[in-house]
PDB file of N, CA and C in Angstrom:
ATOM      1  N   MET A   1      28.784  59.618 144.568  1.00  0.00           N
ATOM      2  CA  MET A   1      29.425  59.283 143.317  1.00  0.00           C
ATOM      3  C   MET A   1      28.574  59.826 142.174  1.00  0.00           C
ATOM      4  N   SER A   2      29.192  60.525 141.254  1.00  0.00           N
ATOM      5  CA  SER A   2      28.445  61.091 140.140  1.00  0.00           C
ATOM      6  C   SER A   2      28.035  59.993 139.172  1.00  0.00           C
ATOM      7  N   SER A   3      26.968  60.248 138.395  1.00  0.00           N
ATOM      8  CA  SER A   3      26.512  59.238 137.445  1.00  0.00           C
ATOM      9  C   SER A   3      27.546  59.016 136.353  1.00  0.00           C
ATOM     10  N   ALA A   4      28.299  60.058 135.965  1.00  0.00           N
ATOM     11  CA  ALA A   4      29.339  59.887 134.947  1.00  0.00           C
ATOM     12  C   ALA A   4      30.423  58.942 135.463  1.00  0.00           C
ATOM     13  N   MET A   5      30.765  59.049 136.729  1.00  0.00           N
ATOM     14  CA  MET A   5      31.769  58.168 137.314  1.00  0.00           C
ATOM     15  C   MET A   5      31.244  56.734 137.353  1.00  0.00           C
ATOM     16  N   HIS A   6      29.965  56.571 137.683  1.00  0.00           N
ATOM     17  CA  HIS A   6      29.345  55.246 137.744  1.00  0.00           C
ATOM     18  C   HIS A   6      29.359  54.573 136.376  1.00  0.00           C
ATOM     19  N   ILE A   7      29.078  55.323 135.318  1.00  0.00           N
ATOM     20  CA  ILE A   7      29.031  54.761 133.971  1.00  0.00           C
ATOM     21  C   ILE A   7      30.375  54.142 133.617  1.00  0.00           C
ATOM     22  N   HIS A   8      31.470  54.822 133.922  1.00  0.00           N
ATOM     23  CA  HIS A   8      32.785  54.359 133.511  1.00  0.00           C
ATOM     24  C   HIS A   8      33.269  53.158 134.314  1.00  0.00           C
ATOM     25  N   MET A   9      32.603  52.826 135.399  1.00  0.00           N
ATOM     26  CA  MET A   9      32.980  51.639 136.155  1.00  0.00           C
ATOM     27  C   MET A   9      32.480  50.375 135.458  1.00  0.00           C
ATOM     28  N   ILE A  10      31.561  50.527 134.538  1.00  0.00           N
ATOM     29  CA  ILE A  10      31.015  49.389 133.820  1.00  0.00           C
ATOM     30  C   ILE A  10      31.758  49.239 132.495  1.00  0.00           C
ATOM     31  N   LYS A  11      32.280  48.041 132.240  1.00  0.00           N
ATOM     32  CA  LYS A  11      32.913  47.714 130.965  1.00  0.00           C
ATOM     33  C   LYS A  11      31.919  46.847 130.187  1.00  0.00           C
ATOM     34  N   TYR A  12      31.694  47.206 128.949  1.00  0.00           N
ATOM     35  CA  TYR A  12      30.635  46.580 128.170  1.00  0.00           C
ATOM     36  C   TYR A  12      31.147  45.626 127.098  1.00  0.00           C
ATOM     37  N   LEU A  13      30.350  44.604 126.834  1.00  0.00           N
ATOM     38  CA  LEU A  13      30.472  43.775 125.648  1.00  0.00           C
ATOM     39  C   LEU A  13      29.298  44.139 124.759  1.00  0.00           C
ATOM     40  N   ILE A  14      29.545  44.351 123.486  1.00  0.00           N
ATOM     41  CA  ILE A  14      28.449  44.517 122.531  1.00  0.00           C
ATOM     42  C   ILE A  14      28.094  43.119 122.035  1.00  0.00           C
ATOM     43  N   TYR A  15      26.809  42.782 122.087  1.00  0.00           N
ATOM     44  CA  TYR A  15      26.346  41.486 121.599  1.00  0.00           C
ATOM     45  C   TYR A  15      25.271  41.725 120.547  1.00  0.00           C
ATOM     46  N   CYS A  16      25.519  41.222 119.338  1.00  0.00           N
ATOM     47  CA  CYS A  16      24.561  41.352 118.238  1.00  0.00           C
ATOM     48  C   CYS A  16      24.242  39.965 117.705  1.00  0.00           C
ATOM     49  N   ARG A  17      22.963  39.745 117.475  1.00  0.00           N
ATOM     50  CA  ARG A  17      22.521  38.444 116.973  1.00  0.00           C
ATOM     51  C   ARG A  17      21.438  38.640 115.947  1.00  0.00           C
ATOM     52  N   LYS A  18      21.494  37.849 114.901  1.00  0.00           N
ATOM     53  CA  LYS A  18      20.416  37.783 113.920  1.00  0.00           C
ATOM     54  C   LYS A  18      20.144  36.322 113.662  1.00  0.00           C
ATOM     55  N   SER A  19      18.913  35.944 113.819  1.00  0.00           N
ATOM     56  CA  SER A  19      18.520  34.566 113.585  1.00  0.00           C
ATOM     57  C   SER A  19      18.524  34.275 112.092  1.00  0.00           C
ATOM     58  N   SER A  20      18.785  33.048 111.769  1.00  0.00           N
ATOM     59  CA  SER A  20      18.709  32.630 110.369  1.00  0.00           C
ATOM     60  C   SER A  20      17.289  32.184 110.010  1.00  0.00           C
ATOM     61  N   GLU A  21      16.394  32.229 110.988  1.00  0.00           N
ATOM     62  CA  GLU A  21      15.016  31.782 110.757  1.00  0.00           C
ATOM     63  C   GLU A  21      14.198  32.855 110.052  1.00  0.00           C
ATOM     64  N   ASP A  22      13.204  32.436 109.291  1.00  0.00           N
ATOM     65  CA  ASP A  22      12.387  33.338 108.491  1.00  0.00           C
ATOM     66  C   ASP A  22      11.706  34.432 109.298  1.00  0.00           C
ATOM     67  N   GLU A  23      11.240  34.117 110.511  1.00  0.00           N
ATOM     68  CA  GLU A  23      10.461  35.078 111.286  1.00  0.00           C
ATOM     69  C   GLU A  23      11.272  36.311 111.680  1.00  0.00           C
ATOM     70  N   ASP A  24      12.586  36.226 111.660  1.00  0.00           N
ATOM     71  CA  ASP A  24      13.423  37.354 112.054  1.00  0.00           C
ATOM     72  C   ASP A  24      13.943  38.155 110.870  1.00  0.00           C
ATOM     73  N   ARG A  25      13.353  38.012 109.697  1.00  0.00           N
ATOM     74  CA  ARG A  25      13.837  38.725 108.517  1.00  0.00           C
ATOM     75  C   ARG A  25      13.800  40.233 108.684  1.00  0.00           C
ATOM     76  N   GLN A  26      12.857  40.733 109.448  1.00  0.00           N
ATOM     77  CA  GLN A  26      12.724  42.176 109.620  1.00  0.00           C
ATOM     78  C   GLN A  26      13.655  42.739 110.686  1.00  0.00           C
ATOM     79  N   ILE A  27      14.379  41.882 111.391  1.00  0.00           N
ATOM     80  CA  ILE A  27      15.306  42.325 112.431  1.00  0.00           C
ATOM     81  C   ILE A  27      16.475  43.051 111.779  1.00  0.00           C
ATOM     82  N   LEU A  28      16.934  44.095 112.444  1.00  0.00           N
ATOM     83  CA  LEU A  28      18.075  44.862 111.975  1.00  0.00           C
ATOM     84  C   LEU A  28      19.267  43.937 111.713  1.00  0.00           C
ATOM     85  N   SER A  29      19.984  44.172 110.612  1.00  0.00           N
ATOM     86  CA  SER A  29      21.149  43.345 110.292  1.00  0.00           C
ATOM     87  C   SER A  29      22.192  43.472 111.399  1.00  0.00           C
ATOM     88  N   ILE A  30      23.099  42.516 111.451  1.00  0.00           N
ATOM     89  CA  ILE A  30      24.159  42.563 112.458  1.00  0.00           C
ATOM     90  C   ILE A  30      24.995  43.819 112.282  1.00  0.00           C
ATOM     91  N   ASP A  31      25.344  44.161 111.035  1.00  0.00           N
ATOM     92  CA  ASP A  31      26.135  45.377 110.798  1.00  0.00           C
ATOM     93  C   ASP A  31      25.408  46.620 111.290  1.00  0.00           C
ATOM     94  N   ALA A  32      24.100  46.683 111.067  1.00  0.00           N
ATOM     95  CA  ALA A  32      23.323  47.832 111.532  1.00  0.00           C
ATOM     96  C   ALA A  32      23.245  47.860 113.057  1.00  0.00           C
ATOM     97  N   GLN A  33      23.107  46.688 113.690  1.00  0.00           N
ATOM     98  CA  GLN A  33      23.093  46.627 115.156  1.00  0.00           C
ATOM     99  C   GLN A  33      24.426  47.116 115.712  1.00  0.00           C
ATOM    100  N   ILE A  34      25.533  46.649 115.129  1.00  0.00           N
ATOM    101  CA  ILE A  34      26.863  47.059 115.583  1.00  0.00           C
ATOM    102  C   ILE A  34      27.021  48.567 115.446  1.00  0.00           C
ATOM    103  N   SER A  35      26.646  49.104 114.298  1.00  0.00           N
ATOM    104  CA  SER A  35      26.769  50.539 114.055  1.00  0.00           C
ATOM    105  C   SER A  35      25.980  51.341 115.086  1.00  0.00           C
ATOM    106  N   GLU A  36      24.747  50.938 115.328  1.00  0.00           N
ATOM    107  CA  GLU A  36      23.879  51.625 116.284  1.00  0.00           C
ATOM    108  C   GLU A  36      24.464  51.577 117.697  1.00  0.00           C
ATOM    109  N   LEU A  37      24.907  50.394 118.117  1.00  0.00           N
ATOM    110  CA  LEU A  37      25.423  50.227 119.477  1.00  0.00           C
ATOM    111  C   LEU A  37      26.763  50.935 119.674  1.00  0.00           C
ATOM    112  N   LYS A  38      27.612  50.906 118.666  1.00  0.00           N
ATOM    113  CA  LYS A  38      28.887  51.631 118.774  1.00  0.00           C
ATOM    114  C   LYS A  38      28.648  53.135 118.829  1.00  0.00           C
ATOM    115  N   SER A  39      27.658  53.603 118.103  1.00  0.00           N
ATOM    116  CA  SER A  39      27.301  55.026 118.143  1.00  0.00           C
ATOM    117  C   SER A  39      26.820  55.420 119.539  1.00  0.00           C
ATOM    118  N   ILE A  40      25.968  54.595 120.137  1.00  0.00           N
ATOM    119  CA  ILE A  40      25.467  54.863 121.493  1.00  0.00           C
ATOM    120  C   ILE A  40      26.630  54.845 122.486  1.00  0.00           C
ATOM    121  N   ALA A  41      27.504  53.842 122.374  1.00  0.00           N
ATOM    122  CA  ALA A  41      28.645  53.737 123.283  1.00  0.00           C
ATOM    123  C   ALA A  41      29.523  54.982 123.167  1.00  0.00           C
ATOM    124  N   SER A  42      29.745  55.438 121.955  1.00  0.00           N
ATOM    125  CA  SER A  42      30.574  56.626 121.729  1.00  0.00           C
ATOM    126  C   SER A  42      29.919  57.872 122.312  1.00  0.00           C
ATOM    127  N   GLN A  43      28.630  58.058 122.032  1.00  0.00           N
ATOM    128  CA  GLN A  43      27.895  59.231 122.531  1.00  0.00           C
ATOM    129  C   GLN A  43      27.858  59.267 124.050  1.00  0.00           C
ATOM    130  N   GLU A  44      27.725  58.104 124.674  1.00  0.00           N
ATOM    131  CA  GLU A  44      27.584  58.023 126.124  1.00  0.00           C
ATOM    132  C   GLU A  44      28.923  57.834 126.849  1.00  0.00           C
ATOM    133  N   GLY A  45      30.006  57.667 126.092  1.00  0.00           N
ATOM    134  CA  GLY A  45      31.315  57.450 126.697  1.00  0.00           C
ATOM    135  C   GLY A  45      31.427  56.113 127.411  1.00  0.00           C
ATOM    136  N   LEU A  46      30.798  55.087 126.853  1.00  0.00           N
ATOM    137  CA  LEU A  46      30.790  53.763 127.474  1.00  0.00           C
ATOM    138  C   LEU A  46      31.961  52.935 126.950  1.00  0.00           C
ATOM    139  N   PRO A  47      32.814  52.408 127.828  1.00  0.00           N
ATOM    140  CA  PRO A  47      33.937  51.589 127.374  1.00  0.00           C
ATOM    141  C   PRO A  47      33.467  50.209 126.920  1.00  0.00           C
ATOM    142  N   VAL A  48      33.840  49.833 125.697  1.00  0.00           N
ATOM    143  CA  VAL A  48      33.471  48.539 125.122  1.00  0.00           C
ATOM    144  C   VAL A  48      34.731  47.699 124.995  1.00  0.00           C
ATOM    145  N   THR A  49      34.709  46.502 125.585  1.00  0.00           N
ATOM    146  CA  THR A  49      35.893  45.643 125.554  1.00  0.00           C
ATOM    147  C   THR A  49      35.907  44.709 124.354  1.00  0.00           C
ATOM    148  N   ALA A  50      34.737  44.368 123.806  1.00  0.00           N
ATOM    149  CA  ALA A  50      34.675  43.479 122.639  1.00  0.00           C
ATOM    150  C   ALA A  50      33.296  43.575 122.004  1.00  0.00           C
ATOM    151  N   THR A  51      33.242  43.224 120.720  1.00  0.00           N
ATOM    152  CA  THR A  51      31.986  43.134 119.990  1.00  0.00           C
ATOM    153  C   THR A  51      31.814  41.690 119.551  1.00  0.00           C
ATOM    154  N   LEU A  52      30.710  41.082 119.958  1.00  0.00           N
ATOM    155  CA  LEU A  52      30.436  39.679 119.668  1.00  0.00           C
ATOM    156  C   LEU A  52      29.219  39.581 118.770  1.00  0.00           C
ATOM    157  N   THR A  53      29.298  38.749 117.737  1.00  0.00           N
ATOM    158  CA  THR A  53      28.169  38.587 116.818  1.00  0.00           C
ATOM    159  C   THR A  53      27.860  37.112 116.633  1.00  0.00           C
ATOM    160  N   GLU A  54      26.577  36.855 116.353  1.00  0.00           N
ATOM    161  CA  GLU A  54      26.121  35.470 116.220  1.00  0.00           C
ATOM    162  C   GLU A  54      24.944  35.422 115.257  1.00  0.00           C
ATOM    163  N   CYS A  55      24.918  34.402 114.408  1.00  0.00           N
ATOM    164  CA  CYS A  55      23.804  34.173 113.486  1.00  0.00           C
ATOM    165  C   CYS A  55      23.150  32.851 113.848  1.00  0.00           C
ATOM    166  N   GLN A  56      22.278  32.898 114.837  1.00  0.00           N
ATOM    167  CA  GLN A  56      21.632  31.671 115.314  1.00  0.00           C
ATOM    168  C   GLN A  56      20.376  32.048 116.083  1.00  0.00           C
ATOM    169  N   SER A  57      19.392  31.214 116.012  1.00  0.00           N
ATOM    170  CA  SER A  57      18.173  31.422 116.783  1.00  0.00           C
ATOM    171  C   SER A  57      18.477  31.335 118.276  1.00  0.00           C
ATOM    172  N   ALA A  58      17.744  32.111 119.070  1.00  0.00           N
ATOM    173  CA  ALA A  58      17.901  32.073 120.525  1.00  0.00           C
ATOM    174  C   ALA A  58      16.768  31.294 121.183  1.00  0.00           C
ATOM    175  N   LYS A  59      15.977  30.585 120.385  1.00  0.00           N
ATOM    176  CA  LYS A  59      14.862  29.821 120.964  1.00  0.00           C
ATOM    177  C   LYS A  59      15.340  28.654 121.814  1.00  0.00           C
ATOM    178  N   GLU A  60      16.499  28.085 121.472  1.00  0.00           N
ATOM    179  CA  GLU A  60      17.051  26.958 122.211  1.00  0.00           C
ATOM    180  C   GLU A  60      18.386  27.360 122.824  1.00  0.00           C
ATOM    181  N   PRO A  61      18.720  26.862 124.014  1.00  0.00           N
ATOM    182  CA  PRO A  61      20.037  27.146 124.596  1.00  0.00           C
ATOM    183  C   PRO A  61      21.143  26.478 123.786  1.00  0.00           C
ATOM    184  N   GLY A  62      22.370  26.938 124.014  1.00  0.00           N
ATOM    185  CA  GLY A  62      23.501  26.294 123.377  1.00  0.00           C
ATOM    186  C   GLY A  62      24.213  27.141 122.338  1.00  0.00           C
ATOM    187  N   ARG A  63      23.946  28.442 122.299  1.00  0.00           N
ATOM    188  CA  ARG A  63      24.649  29.308 121.350  1.00  0.00           C
ATOM    189  C   ARG A  63      26.084  29.522 121.823  1.00  0.00           C
ATOM    190  N   ALA A  64      27.049  29.227 120.967  1.00  0.00           N
ATOM    191  CA  ALA A  64      28.466  29.278 121.340  1.00  0.00           C
ATOM    192  C   ALA A  64      28.916  30.694 121.710  1.00  0.00           C
ATOM    193  N   ILE A  65      28.553  31.688 120.930  1.00  0.00           N
ATOM    194  CA  ILE A  65      29.014  33.062 121.187  1.00  0.00           C
ATOM    195  C   ILE A  65      28.341  33.615 122.442  1.00  0.00           C
ATOM    196  N   PHE A  66      27.056  33.335 122.620  1.00  0.00           N
ATOM    197  CA  PHE A  66      26.354  33.758 123.839  1.00  0.00           C
ATOM    198  C   PHE A  66      27.034  33.153 125.062  1.00  0.00           C
ATOM    199  N   ASN A  67      27.330  31.854 125.001  1.00  0.00           N
ATOM    200  CA  ASN A  67      27.985  31.193 126.137  1.00  0.00           C
ATOM    201  C   ASN A  67      29.372  31.775 126.385  1.00  0.00           C
ATOM    202  N   ASP A  68      30.106  32.100 125.319  1.00  0.00           N
ATOM    203  CA  ASP A  68      31.414  32.747 125.463  1.00  0.00           C
ATOM    204  C   ASP A  68      31.260  34.097 126.163  1.00  0.00           C
ATOM    205  N   MET A  69      30.226  34.850 125.784  1.00  0.00           N
ATOM    206  CA  MET A  69      29.974  36.142 126.418  1.00  0.00           C
ATOM    207  C   MET A  69      29.730  35.964 127.923  1.00  0.00           C
ATOM    208  N   ILE A  70      28.923  34.985 128.288  1.00  0.00           N
ATOM    209  CA  ILE A  70      28.641  34.717 129.697  1.00  0.00           C
ATOM    210  C   ILE A  70      29.939  34.376 130.439  1.00  0.00           C
ATOM    211  N   HIS A  71      30.778  33.538 129.847  1.00  0.00           N
ATOM    212  CA  HIS A  71      32.058  33.166 130.481  1.00  0.00           C
ATOM    213  C   HIS A  71      32.971  34.386 130.627  1.00  0.00           C
ATOM    214  N   ARG A  72      33.007  35.250 129.625  1.00  0.00           N
ATOM    215  CA  ARG A  72      33.828  36.467 129.715  1.00  0.00           C
ATOM    216  C   ARG A  72      33.359  37.356 130.864  1.00  0.00           C
ATOM    217  N   ILE A  73      32.054  37.449 131.027  1.00  0.00           N
ATOM    218  CA  ILE A  73      31.504  38.266 132.117  1.00  0.00           C
ATOM    219  C   ILE A  73      31.836  37.620 133.462  1.00  0.00           C
ATOM    220  N   GLU A  74      31.683  36.316 133.557  1.00  0.00           N
ATOM    221  CA  GLU A  74      32.010  35.622 134.805  1.00  0.00           C
ATOM    222  C   GLU A  74      33.496  35.744 135.155  1.00  0.00           C
ATOM    223  N   ARG A  75      34.365  35.844 134.163  1.00  0.00           N
ATOM    224  CA  ARG A  75      35.809  36.020 134.395  1.00  0.00           C
ATOM    225  C   ARG A  75      36.173  37.474 134.699  1.00  0.00           C
ATOM    226  N   GLY A  76      35.211  38.387 134.576  1.00  0.00           N
ATOM    227  CA  GLY A  76      35.465  39.783 134.905  1.00  0.00           C
ATOM    228  C   GLY A  76      35.956  40.644 133.756  1.00  0.00           C
ATOM    229  N   GLU A  77      35.928  40.127 132.519  1.00  0.00           N
ATOM    230  CA  GLU A  77      36.349  40.930 131.371  1.00  0.00           C
ATOM    231  C   GLU A  77      35.407  42.102 131.128  1.00  0.00           C
ATOM    232  N   ALA A  78      34.154  41.928 131.503  1.00  0.00           N
ATOM    233  CA  ALA A  78      33.140  42.975 131.349  1.00  0.00           C
ATOM    234  C   ALA A  78      32.078  42.750 132.409  1.00  0.00           C
ATOM    235  N   ASN A  79      31.318  43.795 132.671  1.00  0.00           N
ATOM    236  CA  ASN A  79      30.220  43.664 133.632  1.00  0.00           C
ATOM    237  C   ASN A  79      28.955  44.351 133.130  1.00  0.00           C
ATOM    238  N   GLY A  80      28.886  44.515 131.801  1.00  0.00           N
ATOM    239  CA  GLY A  80      27.702  45.083 131.175  1.00  0.00           C
ATOM    240  C   GLY A  80      27.576  44.573 129.753  1.00  0.00           C
ATOM    241  N   ILE A  81      26.358  44.593 129.241  1.00  0.00           N
ATOM    242  CA  ILE A  81      26.088  44.142 127.873  1.00  0.00           C
ATOM    243  C   ILE A  81      25.308  45.238 127.163  1.00  0.00           C
ATOM    244  N   LEU A  82      25.730  45.556 125.953  1.00  0.00           N
ATOM    245  CA  LEU A  82      24.955  46.431 125.080  1.00  0.00           C
ATOM    246  C   LEU A  82      24.357  45.559 123.988  1.00  0.00           C
ATOM    247  N   ALA A  83      23.034  45.556 123.883  1.00  0.00           N
ATOM    248  CA  ALA A  83      22.336  44.788 122.855  1.00  0.00           C
ATOM    249  C   ALA A  83      21.257  45.673 122.248  1.00  0.00           C
ATOM    250  N   TRP A  84      20.957  45.449 120.975  1.00  0.00           N
ATOM    251  CA  TRP A  84      19.981  46.279 120.270  1.00  0.00           C
ATOM    252  C   TRP A  84      18.587  46.140 120.880  1.00  0.00           C
ATOM    253  N   LYS A  85      18.191  44.915 121.200  1.00  0.00           N
ATOM    254  CA  LYS A  85      16.919  44.644 121.868  1.00  0.00           C
ATOM    255  C   LYS A  85      17.146  43.482 122.825  1.00  0.00           C
ATOM    256  N   LEU A  86      16.360  43.408 123.872  1.00  0.00           N
ATOM    257  CA  LEU A  86      16.515  42.315 124.838  1.00  0.00           C
ATOM    258  C   LEU A  86      16.369  40.940 124.209  1.00  0.00           C
ATOM    259  N   ASP A  87      15.496  40.812 123.201  1.00  0.00           N
ATOM    260  CA  ASP A  87      15.310  39.489 122.608  1.00  0.00           C
ATOM    261  C   ASP A  87      16.520  39.041 121.790  1.00  0.00           C
ATOM    262  N   ARG A  88      17.490  39.924 121.583  1.00  0.00           N
ATOM    263  CA  ARG A  88      18.745  39.508 120.954  1.00  0.00           C
ATOM    264  C   ARG A  88      19.561  38.658 121.926  1.00  0.00           C
ATOM    265  N   LEU A  89      19.369  38.866 123.228  1.00  0.00           N
ATOM    266  CA  LEU A  89      20.108  38.105 124.239  1.00  0.00           C
ATOM    267  C   LEU A  89      19.524  36.718 124.454  1.00  0.00           C
ATOM    268  N   ALA A  90      18.229  36.627 124.689  1.00  0.00           N
ATOM    269  CA  ALA A  90      17.651  35.337 125.040  1.00  0.00           C
ATOM    270  C   ALA A  90      16.188  35.262 124.652  1.00  0.00           C
ATOM    271  N   ARG A  91      15.817  34.086 124.168  1.00  0.00           N
ATOM    272  CA  ARG A  91      14.416  33.805 123.881  1.00  0.00           C
ATOM    273  C   ARG A  91      14.048  32.426 124.442  1.00  0.00           C
ATOM    274  N   ASN A  92      14.857  31.952 125.403  1.00  0.00           N
ATOM    275  CA  ASN A  92      14.558  30.693 126.085  1.00  0.00           C
ATOM    276  C   ASN A  92      14.861  30.883 127.569  1.00  0.00           C
ATOM    277  N   PHE A  93      14.267  30.056 128.402  1.00  0.00           N
ATOM    278  CA  PHE A  93      14.394  30.233 129.854  1.00  0.00           C
ATOM    279  C   PHE A  93      15.803  29.988 130.380  1.00  0.00           C
ATOM    280  N   ASP A  94      16.532  29.060 129.792  1.00  0.00           N
ATOM    281  CA  ASP A  94      17.884  28.770 130.272  1.00  0.00           C
ATOM    282  C   ASP A  94      18.790  29.987 130.122  1.00  0.00           C
ATOM    283  N   ASP A  95      18.842  30.555 128.915  1.00  0.00           N
ATOM    284  CA  ASP A  95      19.702  31.709 128.672  1.00  0.00           C
ATOM    285  C   ASP A  95      19.202  32.942 129.415  1.00  0.00           C
ATOM    286  N   GLY A  96      17.888  33.129 129.431  1.00  0.00           N
ATOM    287  CA  GLY A  96      17.319  34.251 130.185  1.00  0.00           C
ATOM    288  C   GLY A  96      17.649  34.141 131.659  1.00  0.00           C
ATOM    289  N   GLY A  97      17.605  32.928 132.188  1.00  0.00           N
ATOM    290  CA  GLY A  97      17.942  32.704 133.590  1.00  0.00           C
ATOM    291  C   GLY A  97      19.393  33.024 133.898  1.00  0.00           C
ATOM    292  N   LYS A  98      20.298  32.736 132.951  1.00  0.00           N
ATOM    293  CA  LYS A  98      21.709  33.078 133.144  1.00  0.00           C
ATOM    294  C   LYS A  98      21.875  34.590 133.284  1.00  0.00           C
ATOM    295  N   ILE A  99      21.226  35.339 132.409  1.00  0.00           N
ATOM    296  CA  ILE A  99      21.317  36.801 132.448  1.00  0.00           C
ATOM    297  C   ILE A  99      20.720  37.329 133.751  1.00  0.00           C
ATOM    298  N   ILE A 100      19.547  36.838 134.118  1.00  0.00           N
ATOM    299  CA  ILE A 100      18.886  37.286 135.353  1.00  0.00           C
ATOM    300  C   ILE A 100      19.745  36.973 136.573  1.00  0.00           C
ATOM    301  N   GLY A 101      20.320  35.765 136.626  1.00  0.00           N
ATOM    302  CA  GLY A 101      21.170  35.388 137.751  1.00  0.00           C
ATOM    303  C   GLY A 101      22.384  36.293 137.871  1.00  0.00           C
ATOM    304  N   LEU A 102      23.020  36.612 136.744  1.00  0.00           N
ATOM    305  CA  LEU A 102      24.181  37.504 136.770  1.00  0.00           C
ATOM    306  C   LEU A 102      23.788  38.909 137.217  1.00  0.00           C
ATOM    307  N   LEU A 103      22.611  39.361 136.818  1.00  0.00           N
ATOM    308  CA  LEU A 103      22.108  40.663 137.268  1.00  0.00           C
ATOM    309  C   LEU A 103      21.823  40.638 138.769  1.00  0.00           C
ATOM    310  N   GLN A 104      21.161  39.594 139.241  1.00  0.00           N
ATOM    311  CA  GLN A 104      20.809  39.508 140.657  1.00  0.00           C
ATOM    312  C   GLN A 104      22.033  39.457 141.554  1.00  0.00           C
ATOM    313  N   ARG A 105      23.098  38.808 141.091  1.00  0.00           N
ATOM    314  CA  ARG A 105      24.327  38.715 141.881  1.00  0.00           C
ATOM    315  C   ARG A 105      25.227  39.931 141.699  1.00  0.00           C
ATOM    316  N   GLY A 106      24.835  40.867 140.850  1.00  0.00           N
ATOM    317  CA  GLY A 106      25.621  42.079 140.651  1.00  0.00           C
ATOM    318  C   GLY A 106      26.842  41.880 139.768  1.00  0.00           C
ATOM    319  N   ILE A 107      26.920  40.738 139.091  1.00  0.00           N
ATOM    320  CA  ILE A 107      28.039  40.472 138.184  1.00  0.00           C
ATOM    321  C   ILE A 107      27.855  41.278 136.908  1.00  0.00           C
ATOM    322  N   ILE A 108      26.630  41.309 136.407  1.00  0.00           N
ATOM    323  CA  ILE A 108      26.271  42.254 135.344  1.00  0.00           C
ATOM    324  C   ILE A 108      25.689  43.450 136.069  1.00  0.00           C
ATOM    325  N   ARG A 109      26.248  44.614 135.800  1.00  0.00           N
ATOM    326  CA  ARG A 109      25.810  45.844 136.449  1.00  0.00           C
ATOM    327  C   ARG A 109      24.774  46.525 135.563  1.00  0.00           C
ATOM    328  N   GLU A 110      23.832  47.155 136.189  1.00  0.00           N
ATOM    329  CA  GLU A 110      22.804  47.890 135.476  1.00  0.00           C
ATOM    330  C   GLU A 110      23.048  49.373 135.650  1.00  0.00           C
ATOM    331  N   ASP A 111      23.086  50.072 134.535  1.00  0.00           N
ATOM    332  CA  ASP A 111      23.251  51.522 134.577  1.00  0.00           C
ATOM    333  C   ASP A 111      21.909  52.152 134.275  1.00  0.00           C
ATOM    334  N   VAL A 112      21.260  52.676 135.287  1.00  0.00           N
ATOM    335  CA  VAL A 112      19.957  53.295 135.106  1.00  0.00           C
ATOM    336  C   VAL A 112      20.067  54.797 134.906  1.00  0.00           C
ATOM    337  N   SER A 113      21.286  55.342 134.903  1.00  0.00           N
ATOM    338  CA  SER A 113      21.438  56.785 134.763  1.00  0.00           C
ATOM    339  C   SER A 113      21.273  57.254 133.327  1.00  0.00           C
ATOM    340  N   SER A 114      21.498  56.357 132.353  1.00  0.00           N
ATOM    341  CA  SER A 114      21.333  56.776 130.966  1.00  0.00           C
ATOM    342  C   SER A 114      20.180  56.009 130.345  1.00  0.00           C
ATOM    343  N   HIS A 115      19.492  56.665 129.427  1.00  0.00           N
ATOM    344  CA  HIS A 115      18.324  56.133 128.705  1.00  0.00           C
ATOM    345  C   HIS A 115      17.266  55.768 129.682  1.00  0.00           C
TER     346      HIS A 115
END
C-alpha cells in the first residue's frame, strides 16, 4: 500500500485550544492554529471532517469540546487528530490516558509517512 493511499484512509479532526490562563499568553491564537492546521491539511491532502476549538485550560479533565472530540473518534467519525502542539490536547493524566488508549487500540491512527 502506498503512503499516499494510507494517508487518505485517515479522517482528521482539527483540535485547537487556547487556555484562558496567564501562562499561555504566548500560545498561538486559535485563529492562527486553525489557519496553520488547515494549510497543512491542504498541502498534505488530509481529509478533515470537523474543526473543534476550545478556550479552557487542559490542566484538569472535563473539557467539553475535548470530550466531544473523543466521543466522535470512538463513534468512527474520524480516526486522526491534527493539533498545533501535543500540549493542546492534554496536560493532565486522565485526558492524556484517553489519547494513549485510543492510539494503542488503533482507534486513532498514526501517520508516520508525513512530517
